[in-house]
Amino acid sequence: MENQPSLVTRAIDAFAQGLNRIAGIILFLMMLLTLTDVLLRKFWSQGVLGGLELSEFMMAGIVSCALAQAEIENRHIRVDLFNFKGKSRFGKYVEALIQFLCALLTGAISLSCLFYGLSIHGASEVSPDLGIPRYPLILLAALGCALLGAVMLIRSWRIISTRRP
């Protein structure tokens, strides 16, 4: 019973899965946009107005929405500077500390994105071609980073709280 995930962990996992599904939908729409743009350029010598701008927004949305789920599934690129064979007690605490520090860094990035998004909302900044407000995308990045930080914090806690066999 001690390995049961808590309500908070299940909620964060469900939220991350939901955002990951949104990333999949955005990826599909980005594929349709690219296909439409290529066909319009081929047959009518004119592409989608603001197609590159929309693709940039979509790519940022995909990354922001998929960050936490990638961490949950352990699919991020990792570089181990130290290899602790057998997960010794020392190695366990180093790994937990690294996860905790990464969670703090991701939280700082999230706060920075939040403040930046609010400031450009106040300045009414929009994209050059289509006039799309930029702040929702920045706030989505803040949400994605905050969720990633929460996943890393939970992983750090799990590492510390597991008992050695």
Foldseek 3Di string as FASTA:
>chain_A
DVPDDDPVVVVLLVQLVVLQVVLVVLVVVLVVQVVQQVVCCVPVVDGDFCNVVSNVLSVLSNCLSNLQVCVVVVNDDDDDPDDDPPCDVVNLLVLLVVLLVLLVVLLVQLVVLLVVLVVQVVVQDADDGPRHGDSVSSNSSSVSSNSNSVSSNVVSVVSVPDDDD
